[in-house]
Structures are given as C-alpha cells and as structure tokens.
Amino acid sequence: MNRLPHHQGIDKFFAMLGLALYFSKPVMKHLIHIIDALTTKGFAGTLTDLHHESFHPNHRTTLSHFFTKSPWDEEILLRKLQQWMLRHVERTAKRENHPIFVSIDDTICRKTKPSSQAKHAIEGCNWHYSHADKKSIWGHSLVWLMVHTMTQAFPFAFRLYDKADGKSKGQWAIEMLSSLDVHGSVYVLMDSWYPSKTLVEACLKKGFHVIAMLKTNRVLYPKGIAIQAKQFARYIEPKDTHLVTVGEERYRVYRYEGALKGLDDAVVLLAWKADQPMTPEHLHCVLSTDRELSDEEILRYYAQRWSIECFFRQAKDQLKLDGYRVRQRRAVKRYWILVQLAYVYSMVESNSDFSTGLDFLRKKKGHSLVEFIYDAAKQDIPIDVVKKQLHVA
C-alpha cells in the first residue's frame, strides 16, 4: 500500500530539519507516525492512541520499545529543531524590525500519585506547589524557555525540575539561557518568581535585557532610602502618574528609575489598571533593565510573555503534554520532545500560529484519507487490505 498523502508534509518538514542524515528509516517512520497521531483530534496520550490514530503498520509494542529501549538520540533531534527555530526567529525579527523575545516559566504535568505498593511508578515525579491551584500536586515540573517574535512563539528548550538533582528552577533557566546562541536585540521575559539577582546578571552577561514582573515587596531606593515598592506606592498620587494603553487595557503608570535590591540601575514601572483604585492590592511592578524603552514599550513587550502561558495550555489540551503513560525518565523526555516537534510542525506547515496550524493539519488529514481510499479503489486494491491499513479491519 502507498503511504498516506498527509505523511508527505511531515516527511518534508523532517527533510528541512535534515533528520535523515542522523536517523535510520525505521526511526524516521516511527517519528512520522507519532507526529501524525499527536496532531490528530481526540488523541489522549497513550501508546494505543499513537498506534491507532497514525495507522501505524507495526504492532503497538514497537512503539513502547521506541520510547524505552531504541538507541536513537533524542538530543540530536532537539538540537536540529532548535537550530531551525533560531534561524527562523532571527530572520523574522530582522524582517519585522522587532526584537527577539525569550520567555521563561514553569508548568506541572499532573500525574496520579501511585500507591506505596506500586512496582513501576513514573520516574522523576514529586510534589510541586501549583500557584494556579494554590496547593501541592503530584507530577513532573518542567522549566520551559520559549523564543519568539511579535508574531510567532516557539517552545525552544525545557528542563525537568527534580528536587533530587539539587538544582533550582532558576539554575535550570540560567543553563538554558547560557546555551542560547541568538543574534539581535533580545529581551528575556519572566514573571515575579524568576528575576533573582543571579538570573538577571546571567541575562545581562549574555547581552540580553530583562523585562519581568516584580513582587511588590521588592526593595527600591528612591533618594537612597530603602523602601518596599508597595510602601512607596502609598505616596504616589494619581497626578504623579500618566495613562498608558496596551492592547485593550489602560494603566496608570509611575516610572521609577534608579537602584533596587539586586540591581544598581534599572526602570521599575508601578502600574495600576485605570479602572481600579491605586491601592497596594492592585499594584503591578514591572522591571526593565533597558532604560531606553518607553513605558508603553515596556508594558507591550512584557505582554508578549503571554505566549508561554498559551503554549502550556495548548500543549496540554491539544497535544497531551501531560497525558503520557510511559514511565521511564528517558521515555518521558522523548515524549516531551516529540510534543515540542509536533507543536512546531503545526506552525511551520501552515505558516501561522499553533491553533490555526493544528486545524489545518486535521482538515488536511481528513482530505488525505479520502484521497487514499479513492486511489486504492482506482487501483482495485481489496477493501480488506484498505481496512487493515486504516485499522478498521
């Protein structure tokens, strides 16, 4: 039987990445089928789904072997994908005359806590505090780094945060940033849990600027006097602020320039939504190490950080980033890399955002199956053979 027509698009994507130089034909076949399954509507994350949704011709156990024991090098796959993403982002930023953004954040892949009698628990899981759930939940905690422009955002790298490794999330972030070889004007975006003195210095050492949300208890030094931002904000009157519009939101903004704890010289915007009272409870503090940016630019650039939140939600809802059933640490890592690969492929194939791309791929697959059945009929291929290949026998 012929290859399904929509597999040709995945094949071309892999050729663009140059994967055939590094992986055997059997490995390439597995990768094509897995990406097909990941982008299929209704995929739930199981090996059975991977096998069934991609019409894999081999037995399902070969997929289990592929994740757990096969000797292919997932790091090469990730490196080739990263090289393509960086080149693409650099070209796009240059063409659009916009900076490159790098977002750092973490997410939890929730799993079920195994019983004490469980013989084969998923490796690397632990209790992690979820700020969204406001409680500790069991699972894997991943620190992610995304590279993006104003128009497209790509999941670039991740690290598993395992308390047994002895490294903090900030240290993993520094490690990923240190290996990021990107050229152009770069702004690293992060929420209030990340901008430690060490991490900010690591960014500045690379020639990257930082724009980050700060906790309102961060100490500022107006006129040399140490005071928490939320306490300093009590002295700010509406007449001391000016209105800044970002997207559909309007903010009252006070611009502080000077020292803060951990930095000798930076900008901190003390901002409130225009329709909310100027109280410490509604205060937002945004740091920028680039003093040349206007208030509007700082807030507009920081808003780009929302891309990483969207990625977490989309990757979990649509690609089942947290739906895996494999248990070995390396197998789980391979699964995450393939989710990353599928996410980028959805964008590349449609030259658009992920949601548009995924919808495009799913429609394309529907057309592909119709074409496949039609061509098989023209070639007088027995219907039982067609049913077997499409897993409906």
Protein backbone atom coordinates (compact mmCIF):
# COMPACT_ATOMS: atom_id res chain seq x y z
CA MET A 1 0.00 0.00 0.00
CA ASN A 2 1.02 3.60 -0.58
CA ARG A 3 1.97 6.00 2.17
CA LEU A 4 -0.88 8.19 3.39
CA PRO A 5 -0.75 11.53 1.49
CA HIS A 6 -0.65 13.75 4.60
CA HIS A 7 2.53 11.96 5.78
CA GLN A 8 4.37 13.66 2.91
CA GLY A 9 4.10 17.03 4.70
CA ILE A 10 5.75 15.58 7.82
CA ASP A 11 8.40 13.99 5.62
CA LYS A 12 9.20 17.36 4.02
CA PHE A 13 9.42 19.01 7.44
CA PHE A 14 11.90 16.37 8.59
CA ALA A 15 13.90 16.85 5.38
CA MET A 16 14.04 20.60 6.08
CA LEU A 17 15.48 19.80 9.52
CA GLY A 18 17.97 17.37 7.94
CA LEU A 19 16.92 14.45 10.16
CA ALA A 20 17.53 11.74 7.54
CA LEU A 21 21.28 12.31 7.96
CA TYR A 22 21.07 11.22 11.60
CA PHE A 23 18.27 8.66 11.86
CA SER A 24 17.55 5.32 10.20
CA LYS A 25 14.48 4.71 8.04
CA PRO A 26 12.68 2.73 10.80
CA VAL A 27 13.23 5.62 13.26
CA MET A 28 12.00 8.15 10.69
CA LYS A 29 8.90 6.03 10.10
CA HIS A 30 8.13 5.97 13.83
CA LEU A 31 8.64 9.75 14.07
CA ILE A 32 6.27 10.41 11.15
CA HIS A 33 3.53 8.23 12.65
CA ILE A 34 3.94 9.74 16.12
CA ILE A 35 3.67 13.33 14.83
CA ASP A 36 0.61 12.29 12.84
CA ALA A 37 -1.04 10.84 15.96
CA LEU A 38 -0.14 13.77 18.22
CA THR A 39 -1.86 16.24 15.87
CA THR A 40 -4.99 14.09 15.42
CA LYS A 41 -8.21 15.23 17.08
CA GLY A 42 -9.07 13.09 20.09
CA PHE A 43 -5.51 11.99 20.84
CA ALA A 44 -5.28 11.19 24.57
CA GLY A 45 -1.57 10.48 25.08
CA THR A 46 -1.50 6.67 25.22
CA LEU A 47 0.64 4.35 23.11
CA THR A 48 -2.60 2.78 21.88
CA ASP A 49 -3.64 6.19 20.58
CA LEU A 50 -0.25 6.72 18.96
CA HIS A 51 -0.61 3.38 17.20
CA HIS A 52 -4.26 3.66 16.18
CA GLU A 53 -4.53 7.34 15.24
CA SER A 54 -1.50 7.23 12.93
CA PHE A 55 -2.43 3.91 11.26
CA HIS A 56 0.96 2.52 12.29
CA PRO A 57 1.65 -0.68 10.32
CA ASN A 58 3.69 -2.38 13.08
CA HIS A 59 2.48 -3.87 16.35
CA ARG A 60 1.85 -1.43 19.19
CA THR A 61 4.71 -2.90 21.25
CA THR A 62 7.21 -1.50 18.74
CA LEU A 63 6.17 2.00 19.88
CA SER A 64 6.81 1.07 23.50
CA HIS A 65 10.27 -0.17 22.50
CA PHE A 66 10.85 3.03 20.51
CA PHE A 67 10.32 5.18 23.61
CA THR A 68 12.05 2.99 26.17
CA LYS A 69 14.85 0.99 24.53
CA SER A 70 15.51 2.14 20.97
CA PRO A 71 19.03 3.69 20.69
CA TRP A 72 18.03 6.78 18.64
CA ASP A 73 19.40 10.06 20.03
CA GLU A 74 16.61 12.46 21.00
CA GLU A 75 19.18 15.19 21.77
CA ILE A 76 20.17 15.34 18.09
CA LEU A 77 16.51 15.71 17.12
CA LEU A 78 16.07 18.54 19.62
CA ARG A 79 19.27 20.27 18.51
CA LYS A 80 18.27 20.22 14.82
CA LEU A 81 14.84 21.59 15.72
CA GLN A 82 16.40 24.33 17.86
CA GLN A 83 18.80 25.36 15.10
CA TRP A 84 15.90 25.80 12.69
CA MET A 85 13.83 27.77 15.24
CA LEU A 86 16.67 30.21 15.99
CA ARG A 87 17.35 30.89 12.30
CA HIS A 88 13.64 31.40 11.66
CA VAL A 89 13.16 33.74 14.64
CA GLU A 90 16.25 35.79 13.76
CA ARG A 91 15.10 36.23 10.15
CA THR A 92 11.55 37.14 11.19
CA ALA A 93 12.69 39.66 13.82
CA LYS A 94 15.04 41.30 11.32
CA ARG A 95 12.35 41.47 8.63
CA GLU A 96 9.75 42.90 11.03
CA ASN A 97 12.31 45.21 12.69
CA HIS A 98 11.30 43.95 16.13
CA PRO A 99 13.35 42.47 18.98
CA ILE A 100 13.58 38.78 19.82
CA PHE A 101 11.83 37.67 23.00
CA VAL A 102 12.78 34.82 25.30
CA SER A 103 10.18 33.75 27.87
CA ILE A 104 10.93 31.62 30.93
CA ASP A 105 8.29 29.87 33.03
CA ASP A 106 7.42 26.50 34.50
CA THR A 107 4.44 24.19 34.43
CA ILE A 108 3.39 20.98 36.14
CA CYS A 109 2.38 17.83 34.27
CA ARG A 110 -0.10 16.40 36.75
CA LYS A 111 0.01 12.63 37.40
CA THR A 112 -1.77 10.29 39.79
CA LYS A 113 0.15 9.58 42.98
CA PRO A 114 1.00 5.85 42.93
CA SER A 115 0.26 3.63 45.89
CA SER A 116 3.14 2.54 48.12
CA GLN A 117 2.81 -0.95 46.61
CA ALA A 118 3.28 0.27 43.02
CA LYS A 119 6.21 -1.53 41.39
CA HIS A 120 6.60 0.72 38.36
CA ALA A 121 5.88 4.35 39.25
CA ILE A 122 6.64 7.10 36.75
CA GLU A 123 10.21 8.24 37.34
CA GLY A 124 11.01 11.83 38.32
CA CYS A 125 7.61 12.71 39.82
CA ASN A 126 7.29 14.60 43.09
CA TRP A 127 5.06 17.05 44.94
CA HIS A 128 5.22 20.54 43.44
CA TYR A 129 3.39 23.66 44.54
CA SER A 130 0.96 24.94 41.91
CA HIS A 131 0.29 28.69 42.09
CA ALA A 132 -2.80 28.21 39.91
CA ASP A 133 -4.25 25.50 42.20
CA LYS A 134 -2.80 27.08 45.36
CA LYS A 135 -1.74 23.65 46.61
CA SER A 136 0.90 20.99 46.02
CA ILE A 137 0.15 18.48 43.28
CA TRP A 138 1.91 15.29 42.19
CA GLY A 139 3.66 15.21 38.84
CA HIS A 140 6.60 16.45 36.79
CA SER A 141 7.64 20.11 36.99
CA LEU A 142 9.13 21.47 33.76
CA VAL A 143 11.01 24.73 33.31
CA TRP A 144 10.45 25.93 29.73
CA LEU A 145 12.19 28.51 27.58
CA MET A 146 10.44 29.93 24.50
CA VAL A 147 11.88 32.08 21.72
CA HIS A 148 9.51 34.36 19.87
CA THR A 149 8.88 37.42 17.82
CA MET A 150 5.85 39.68 17.88
CA THR A 151 4.07 37.20 15.59
CA GLN A 152 5.23 33.65 16.37
CA ALA A 153 6.38 31.83 19.51
CA PHE A 154 8.32 28.55 19.56
CA PRO A 155 8.92 26.20 22.53
CA PHE A 156 12.72 26.08 22.47
CA ALA A 157 14.03 24.11 25.45
CA PHE A 158 12.96 22.55 28.73
CA ARG A 159 14.44 21.00 31.84
CA LEU A 160 12.83 18.62 34.30
CA TYR A 161 12.93 20.18 37.76
CA ASP A 162 13.66 17.27 40.06
CA LYS A 163 14.40 18.12 43.69
CA ALA A 164 16.77 15.13 43.83
CA ASP A 165 19.04 16.82 41.25
CA GLY A 166 19.81 19.66 43.65
CA LYS A 167 19.27 22.42 41.07
CA SER A 168 16.71 25.21 41.44
CA LYS A 169 14.38 26.32 38.66
CA GLY A 170 16.45 29.49 38.35
CA GLN A 171 19.62 27.45 37.84
CA TRP A 172 17.95 25.42 35.09
CA ALA A 173 16.83 28.68 33.48
CA ILE A 174 20.41 30.01 33.55
CA GLU A 175 21.69 26.78 31.99
CA MET A 176 19.22 27.03 29.11
CA LEU A 177 19.96 30.72 28.58
CA SER A 178 23.72 30.14 28.57
CA SER A 179 23.40 27.78 25.61
CA LEU A 180 21.11 30.13 23.66
CA ASP A 181 23.14 31.37 20.69
CA VAL A 182 20.88 34.05 19.25
CA HIS A 183 21.80 37.29 17.49
CA GLY A 184 19.91 40.55 17.65
CA SER A 185 18.19 42.65 20.27
CA VAL A 186 16.92 40.20 22.91
CA TYR A 187 14.54 40.70 25.84
CA VAL A 188 14.10 37.95 28.43
CA LEU A 189 10.58 37.94 29.89
CA MET A 190 9.63 36.33 33.20
CA ASP A 191 7.05 36.56 35.94
CA SER A 192 7.71 37.55 39.53
CA TRP A 193 9.04 34.13 40.62
CA TYR A 194 12.18 34.30 38.47
CA PRO A 195 14.02 37.66 38.43
CA SER A 196 16.67 36.84 41.06
CA LYS A 197 19.93 38.78 41.10
CA THR A 198 21.78 35.74 39.73
CA LEU A 199 19.38 35.15 36.84
CA VAL A 200 19.22 38.82 35.84
CA GLU A 201 23.03 39.05 35.90
CA ALA A 202 23.25 35.92 33.73
CA CYS A 203 20.96 37.59 31.17
CA LEU A 204 22.93 40.86 31.18
CA LYS A 205 26.19 38.92 30.79
CA LYS A 206 24.78 37.41 27.58
CA GLY A 207 23.88 40.89 26.33
CA PHE A 208 20.16 40.26 26.91
CA HIS A 209 17.86 42.77 28.60
CA VAL A 210 15.28 41.65 31.17
CA ILE A 211 11.64 42.68 31.46
CA ALA A 212 9.98 40.99 34.42
CA MET A 213 7.16 41.30 36.86
CA LEU A 214 8.42 42.02 40.39
CA LYS A 215 6.87 41.12 43.70
CA THR A 216 5.51 44.24 45.38
CA ASN A 217 7.76 43.69 48.41
CA ARG A 218 10.89 44.26 46.26
CA VAL A 219 13.02 46.98 47.84
CA LEU A 220 13.55 50.22 45.89
CA TYR A 221 15.89 53.09 46.84
CA PRO A 222 14.22 56.41 45.96
CA LYS A 223 16.62 59.21 47.02
CA GLY A 224 18.75 56.49 48.67
CA ILE A 225 16.04 55.40 51.09
CA ALA A 226 15.24 51.67 51.20
CA ILE A 227 11.51 51.02 50.91
CA GLN A 228 9.33 48.23 49.59
CA ALA A 229 7.57 49.02 46.31
CA LYS A 230 4.11 48.58 47.85
CA GLN A 231 5.01 51.01 50.64
CA PHE A 232 6.50 53.50 48.18
CA ALA A 233 3.30 53.27 46.11
CA ARG A 234 1.29 54.72 49.01
CA TYR A 235 2.97 58.08 48.38
CA ILE A 236 2.05 58.15 44.69
CA GLU A 237 -0.94 60.29 43.75
CA PRO A 238 -2.96 59.97 40.53
CA LYS A 239 -1.45 63.28 39.36
CA ASP A 240 2.01 61.66 39.58
CA THR A 241 1.01 59.01 37.03
CA HIS A 242 0.14 59.04 33.34
CA LEU A 243 -2.14 56.78 31.28
CA VAL A 244 -0.60 54.08 29.07
CA THR A 245 -2.64 51.94 26.70
CA VAL A 246 -1.51 48.39 25.91
CA GLY A 247 -3.85 46.45 23.66
CA GLU A 248 -7.32 46.94 25.12
CA GLU A 249 -6.08 47.73 28.64
CA ARG A 250 -5.28 51.16 30.08
CA TYR A 251 -2.91 51.62 33.00
CA ARG A 252 -1.94 54.42 35.37
CA VAL A 253 1.85 54.31 35.42
CA TYR A 254 4.53 55.82 37.64
CA ARG A 255 8.09 55.43 36.34
CA TYR A 256 10.85 54.84 38.87
CA GLU A 257 14.47 54.95 37.69
CA GLY A 258 17.34 54.00 39.94
CA ALA A 259 18.55 51.22 42.19
CA LEU A 260 16.59 48.30 43.55
CA LYS A 261 17.69 45.31 45.56
CA GLY A 262 19.98 43.24 43.32
CA LEU A 263 20.40 45.93 40.63
CA ASP A 264 22.23 49.25 40.66
CA ASP A 265 20.29 50.89 37.87
CA ALA A 266 17.02 49.95 36.17
CA VAL A 267 13.47 51.07 35.46
CA VAL A 268 10.53 49.90 37.56
CA LEU A 269 7.02 50.77 36.45
CA LEU A 270 4.45 50.94 39.23
CA ALA A 271 1.19 50.39 37.41
CA TRP A 272 -2.50 50.05 38.15
CA LYS A 273 -5.32 49.25 35.76
CA ALA A 274 -7.07 52.52 35.02
CA ASP A 275 -10.46 51.23 36.26
CA GLN A 276 -9.07 50.02 39.62
CA PRO A 277 -8.16 52.00 42.74
CA MET A 278 -4.48 52.88 43.29
CA THR A 279 -4.09 50.57 46.28
CA PRO A 280 -1.20 48.16 47.05
CA GLU A 281 -3.56 45.22 46.37
CA HIS A 282 -3.97 46.30 42.73
CA LEU A 283 -0.34 47.31 42.20
CA HIS A 284 1.79 45.73 39.45
CA CYS A 285 5.57 46.28 39.36
CA VAL A 286 7.39 45.73 36.07
CA LEU A 287 11.19 45.75 35.82
CA SER A 288 13.14 46.74 32.73
CA THR A 289 16.93 46.70 32.59
CA ASP A 290 16.71 48.72 29.35
CA ARG A 291 16.25 52.34 30.43
CA GLU A 292 15.85 53.48 26.82
CA LEU A 293 12.43 51.89 26.45
CA SER A 294 9.30 53.98 26.91
CA ASP A 295 6.66 52.93 29.44
CA GLU A 296 4.38 51.80 26.64
CA GLU A 297 7.15 49.69 25.08
CA ILE A 298 8.00 48.03 28.41
CA LEU A 299 4.39 47.00 29.02
CA ARG A 300 3.82 45.99 25.40
CA TYR A 301 6.95 43.84 25.37
CA TYR A 302 6.08 42.23 28.70
CA ALA A 303 2.64 41.33 27.31
CA GLN A 304 4.45 39.02 24.87
CA ARG A 305 5.13 36.71 27.83
CA TRP A 306 1.54 35.52 27.49
CA SER A 307 2.81 33.33 24.62
CA ILE A 308 4.33 30.82 27.04
CA GLU A 309 1.09 30.56 29.04
CA CYS A 310 -0.76 29.87 25.78
CA PHE A 311 1.79 27.20 24.89
CA PHE A 312 1.29 25.39 28.21
CA ARG A 313 -2.49 25.35 27.79
CA GLN A 314 -2.44 24.36 24.11
CA ALA A 315 0.24 21.68 24.54
CA LYS A 316 -1.72 20.08 27.38
CA ASP A 317 -5.19 20.42 25.87
CA GLN A 318 -4.39 19.58 22.25
CA LEU A 319 -1.11 17.59 22.23
CA LYS A 320 -1.40 15.99 25.69
CA LEU A 321 1.91 17.26 27.02
CA ASP A 322 0.81 15.82 30.37
CA GLY A 323 -1.08 12.78 29.03
CA TYR A 324 1.80 10.31 28.67
CA ARG A 325 1.70 6.82 30.18
CA VAL A 326 5.36 5.88 29.67
CA ARG A 327 7.23 5.57 32.95
CA GLN A 328 10.97 5.65 32.36
CA ARG A 329 12.61 9.05 32.69
CA ARG A 330 14.21 8.95 29.24
CA ALA A 331 10.99 7.75 27.62
CA VAL A 332 9.08 10.66 29.18
CA LYS A 333 11.71 13.11 27.96
CA ARG A 334 11.44 11.67 24.45
CA TYR A 335 7.67 12.12 24.58
CA TRP A 336 8.04 15.80 25.59
CA ILE A 337 10.50 16.45 22.74
CA LEU A 338 8.08 14.89 20.25
CA VAL A 339 5.24 17.06 21.57
CA GLN A 340 7.57 20.03 21.02
CA LEU A 341 8.29 18.79 17.50
CA ALA A 342 4.57 18.41 16.73
CA TYR A 343 3.85 21.91 18.06
CA VAL A 344 6.47 23.49 15.79
CA TYR A 345 5.39 21.37 12.80
CA SER A 346 1.81 22.64 13.16
CA MET A 347 3.09 26.21 12.86
CA VAL A 348 5.52 25.53 10.01
CA GLU A 349 3.09 23.58 7.84
CA SER A 350 0.51 26.38 8.00
CA ASN A 351 2.95 29.32 8.34
CA SER A 352 0.70 30.58 11.11
CA ASP A 353 0.04 30.21 14.85
CA PHE A 354 -0.41 26.84 16.51
CA SER A 355 -4.22 26.80 16.69
CA THR A 356 -4.58 27.71 13.01
CA GLY A 357 -1.89 25.18 12.11
CA LEU A 358 -3.47 22.34 14.08
CA ASP A 359 -6.86 22.97 12.47
CA PHE A 360 -5.14 23.00 9.07
CA LEU A 361 -3.40 19.66 9.73
CA ARG A 362 -6.59 17.97 10.92
CA LYS A 363 -8.51 19.06 7.83
CA LYS A 364 -5.58 18.00 5.66
CA LYS A 365 -5.64 14.53 7.24
CA GLY A 366 -9.36 14.19 6.52
CA HIS A 367 -8.79 15.01 2.86
CA SER A 368 -5.79 12.68 2.82
CA LEU A 369 -7.82 9.67 3.96
CA VAL A 370 -10.49 10.31 1.31
CA GLU A 371 -7.77 10.53 -1.37
CA PHE A 372 -6.15 7.36 -0.07
CA ILE A 373 -9.37 5.35 -0.25
CA TYR A 374 -10.21 6.80 -3.67
CA ASP A 375 -6.76 5.90 -5.09
CA ALA A 376 -6.96 2.41 -3.59
CA ALA A 377 -10.33 1.86 -5.29
CA LYS A 378 -8.91 3.03 -8.65
CA GLN A 379 -6.06 0.53 -8.25
CA ASP A 380 -8.54 -2.28 -7.41
CA ILE A 381 -6.88 -2.84 -4.03
CA PRO A 382 -9.12 -5.17 -1.98
CA ILE A 383 -11.22 -3.35 0.60
CA ASP A 384 -10.00 -5.70 3.35
CA VAL A 385 -6.43 -4.51 2.69
CA VAL A 386 -7.55 -0.86 2.93
CA LYS A 387 -9.43 -1.56 6.17
CA LYS A 388 -6.40 -3.25 7.67
CA GLN A 389 -4.11 -0.33 6.90
CA LEU A 390 -6.65 2.14 8.36
CA HIS A 391 -7.07 -0.04 11.47
CA VAL A 392 -10.76 -0.71 10.92
CA ALA A 393 -10.40 -4.39 9.99
